Amino acid sequence: MLPYNVKVHLDTNILIIIGKAIKEKRITNGYTQTRLAEIAHVHRNFISCVEKGTRSATITTLNQLLEGLGTNIFAFMSELASQIKSK
């Protein structure tokens, strides 16, 4: 179960947090934005916008991106919540 008691500062944009985490995973995997876009079947510009936090992805698309990065939405959100909680 995901921790629902995680508090994010009001001035922090969740899209930016998710975008940065996706970018970190992409770079760790050695993928370019173009390669991840090919794997996830989305446009490269979409990857760029998601990573910058200027566009949101549907849950389905987010899961496609994450599966392309070797994880899934549940593991990703759990890891993200742990990182936020430890700050």
Protein backbone atom coordinates (compact mmCIF):
# COMPACT_ATOMS: atom_id res chain seq x y z
CA MET A 1 0.00 0.00 0.00
CA LEU A 2 1.26 3.46 -0.87
CA PRO A 3 1.86 5.82 2.03
CA TYR A 4 -0.84 8.50 1.92
CA ASN A 5 0.59 10.48 4.79
CA VAL A 6 3.49 11.82 2.72
CA LYS A 7 3.44 15.60 2.83
CA VAL A 8 4.74 17.59 -0.11
CA HIS A 9 5.46 21.26 0.45
CA LEU A 10 2.73 23.41 -1.05
CA ASP A 11 5.21 25.22 -3.29
CA THR A 12 6.46 21.96 -4.81
CA ASN A 13 4.88 20.89 -8.06
CA ILE A 14 4.24 17.15 -8.19
CA LEU A 15 4.65 17.17 -11.98
CA ILE A 16 8.19 18.49 -11.56
CA ILE A 17 8.98 15.86 -8.92
CA ILE A 18 7.69 13.05 -11.14
CA GLY A 19 9.43 14.50 -14.20
CA LYS A 20 12.79 14.71 -12.46
CA ALA A 21 12.46 11.14 -11.22
CA ILE A 22 11.64 9.89 -14.72
CA LYS A 23 14.61 11.77 -16.14
CA GLU A 24 16.91 10.25 -13.50
CA LYS A 25 15.67 6.74 -14.35
CA ARG A 26 16.05 7.40 -18.08
CA ILE A 27 19.63 8.61 -17.68
CA THR A 28 20.47 5.72 -15.33
CA ASN A 29 19.23 3.32 -18.00
CA GLY A 30 21.38 5.08 -20.59
CA TYR A 31 18.43 6.11 -22.76
CA THR A 32 18.00 9.27 -24.75
CA GLN A 33 14.61 10.91 -24.80
CA THR A 34 14.25 9.65 -28.36
CA ARG A 35 14.95 6.05 -27.36
CA LEU A 36 12.51 6.14 -24.43
CA ALA A 37 9.88 7.67 -26.72
CA GLU A 38 10.36 4.79 -29.18
CA ILE A 39 10.06 2.18 -26.43
CA ALA A 40 6.99 3.81 -24.86
CA HIS A 41 5.35 4.68 -28.21
CA VAL A 42 5.10 8.40 -27.52
CA HIS A 43 6.64 11.48 -29.15
CA ARG A 44 10.07 12.63 -27.97
CA ASN A 45 8.69 16.12 -27.27
CA PHE A 46 6.21 14.55 -24.86
CA ILE A 47 9.08 12.96 -22.91
CA SER A 48 10.79 16.35 -22.71
CA CYS A 49 7.63 18.06 -21.44
CA VAL A 50 6.95 15.36 -18.84
CA GLU A 51 10.53 15.57 -17.57
CA LYS A 52 10.26 19.36 -17.24
CA GLY A 53 6.89 19.08 -15.52
CA THR A 54 5.07 21.12 -18.15
CA ARG A 55 2.77 18.28 -19.20
CA SER A 56 1.12 15.52 -17.27
CA ALA A 57 0.80 11.95 -18.43
CA THR A 58 -2.22 9.75 -17.99
CA ILE A 59 -1.72 6.81 -15.66
CA THR A 60 -1.63 4.52 -18.70
CA THR A 61 1.04 6.60 -20.45
CA LEU A 62 3.03 7.02 -17.25
CA ASN A 63 3.02 3.25 -16.83
CA GLN A 64 4.19 2.81 -20.46
CA LEU A 65 7.11 5.16 -19.77
CA LEU A 66 7.97 3.38 -16.55
CA GLU A 67 7.75 -0.09 -18.10
CA GLY A 68 10.13 1.19 -20.77
CA LEU A 69 12.45 2.11 -17.91
CA GLY A 70 12.21 -1.34 -16.35
CA THR A 71 9.77 -0.57 -13.55
CA ASN A 72 6.05 -0.06 -13.04
CA ILE A 73 3.85 2.65 -11.62
CA PHE A 74 3.47 0.98 -8.22
CA ALA A 75 7.20 0.53 -7.60
CA PHE A 76 7.94 4.01 -8.96
CA MET A 77 5.39 5.77 -6.75
CA SER A 78 6.47 3.80 -3.69
CA GLU A 79 10.11 4.74 -4.31
CA LEU A 80 9.15 8.36 -4.97
CA ALA A 81 7.10 8.53 -1.77
CA SER A 82 10.03 7.15 0.22
CA GLN A 83 12.35 9.78 -1.24
CA ILE A 84 9.91 12.60 -0.45
CA LYS A 85 9.30 11.28 3.05
CA SER A 86 13.04 11.17 3.82
CA LYS A 87 13.47 14.87 2.94
